[in-house]
Protein backbone atom coordinates (compact mmCIF):
# COMPACT_ATOMS: atom_id res chain seq x y z
CA MET A 1 0.00 0.00 0.00
CA GLU A 2 1.46 3.33 -1.05
CA ASN A 3 1.73 6.25 1.35
CA ASP A 4 0.26 9.48 -0.04
CA PHE A 5 3.37 11.46 0.89
CA PHE A 6 6.19 8.99 0.24
CA SER A 7 6.24 5.61 -1.43
CA ASN A 8 7.66 2.63 0.45
CA THR A 9 10.61 2.65 -1.95
CA GLU A 10 11.40 6.29 -1.16
CA LEU A 11 11.13 5.63 2.57
CA ILE A 12 13.69 2.80 2.32
CA GLY A 13 15.97 5.08 0.29
CA TYR A 14 15.73 7.87 2.86
CA LEU A 15 16.31 5.41 5.72
CA ALA A 16 19.40 4.06 3.96
CA SER A 17 20.73 7.58 3.41
CA LEU A 18 20.08 8.53 7.03
CA LEU A 19 21.91 5.45 8.31
CA LEU A 20 24.93 6.21 6.12
CA ILE A 21 24.99 9.84 7.27
CA ILE A 22 24.77 8.76 10.92
CA SER A 23 27.54 6.20 10.42
CA PHE A 24 29.98 8.91 9.36
CA LEU A 25 29.29 10.85 12.54
CA MET A 26 30.56 7.95 14.68
CA ARG A 27 33.94 8.23 16.37
CA ASN A 28 34.33 4.53 17.03
CA ILE A 29 35.30 2.70 13.82
CA LYS A 30 33.47 -0.49 14.86
CA THR A 31 30.23 1.46 15.40
CA LEU A 32 30.79 3.30 12.12
CA ARG A 33 31.17 0.02 10.21
CA LEU A 34 28.12 -1.57 11.87
CA ILE A 35 25.78 1.36 11.16
CA ASN A 36 27.28 1.81 7.71
CA SER A 37 26.56 -1.87 6.98
CA LEU A 38 22.94 -1.42 8.03
CA GLY A 39 22.68 1.55 5.67
CA CYS A 40 24.26 -0.44 2.84
CA ILE A 41 21.88 -3.34 3.43
CA ALA A 42 18.98 -0.88 3.27
CA PHE A 43 20.43 0.44 -0.01
CA ILE A 44 20.60 -3.12 -1.37
CA VAL A 45 16.91 -3.56 -0.56
CA TYR A 46 16.25 -0.15 -2.15
CA GLY A 47 18.15 -1.23 -5.28
CA PHE A 48 15.89 -4.27 -5.65
CA MET A 49 12.81 -2.14 -5.05
CA LEU A 50 13.89 0.08 -7.97
CA GLN A 51 13.30 -2.80 -10.38
CA THR A 52 16.82 -4.14 -9.74
CA SER A 53 19.28 -1.26 -9.95
CA TRP A 54 22.55 -3.21 -10.21
CA PRO A 55 24.91 -0.25 -9.66
CA ILE A 56 23.30 0.44 -6.27
CA ILE A 57 23.17 -3.25 -5.32
CA ILE A 58 26.74 -4.13 -6.37
CA THR A 59 28.37 -1.07 -4.78
CA ASN A 60 26.62 -1.51 -1.45
CA ALA A 61 27.16 -5.28 -1.39
CA PHE A 62 30.89 -4.65 -1.85
CA ILE A 63 30.89 -2.12 1.01
CA VAL A 64 29.05 -4.57 3.31
CA GLY A 65 31.62 -7.22 2.40
CA ALA A 66 34.50 -4.85 3.22
CA ASN A 67 32.87 -3.93 6.54
CA ILE A 68 32.40 -7.59 7.44
CA TYR A 69 36.00 -8.31 6.52
CA TYR A 70 37.36 -5.53 8.77
CA LEU A 71 34.93 -6.19 11.62
CA PHE A 72 35.21 -9.97 11.86
CA ILE A 73 37.84 -11.59 9.63
CA LYS A 74 40.74 -9.12 9.87
CA ARG A 75 40.10 -8.76 13.59
CA ALA A 76 40.40 -12.54 14.08
CA LEU A 77 43.78 -12.75 12.30
């Protein structure tokens, strides 16, 4: 069901943007990467909601992968 003011797709896009903006205000790099990953995941969902926008999906999937690497894999080495 569409909202009269914003569509569901636009709301996901704005949420994703807000999460990315908030992530860059973080001082702690771990917190930055976690919030940034949430924003990127929201952008991946947004990319699929836009009838599969591959540039948005691929870029944000790569960023999530890099965040996971630095948060979990690199830390464990």
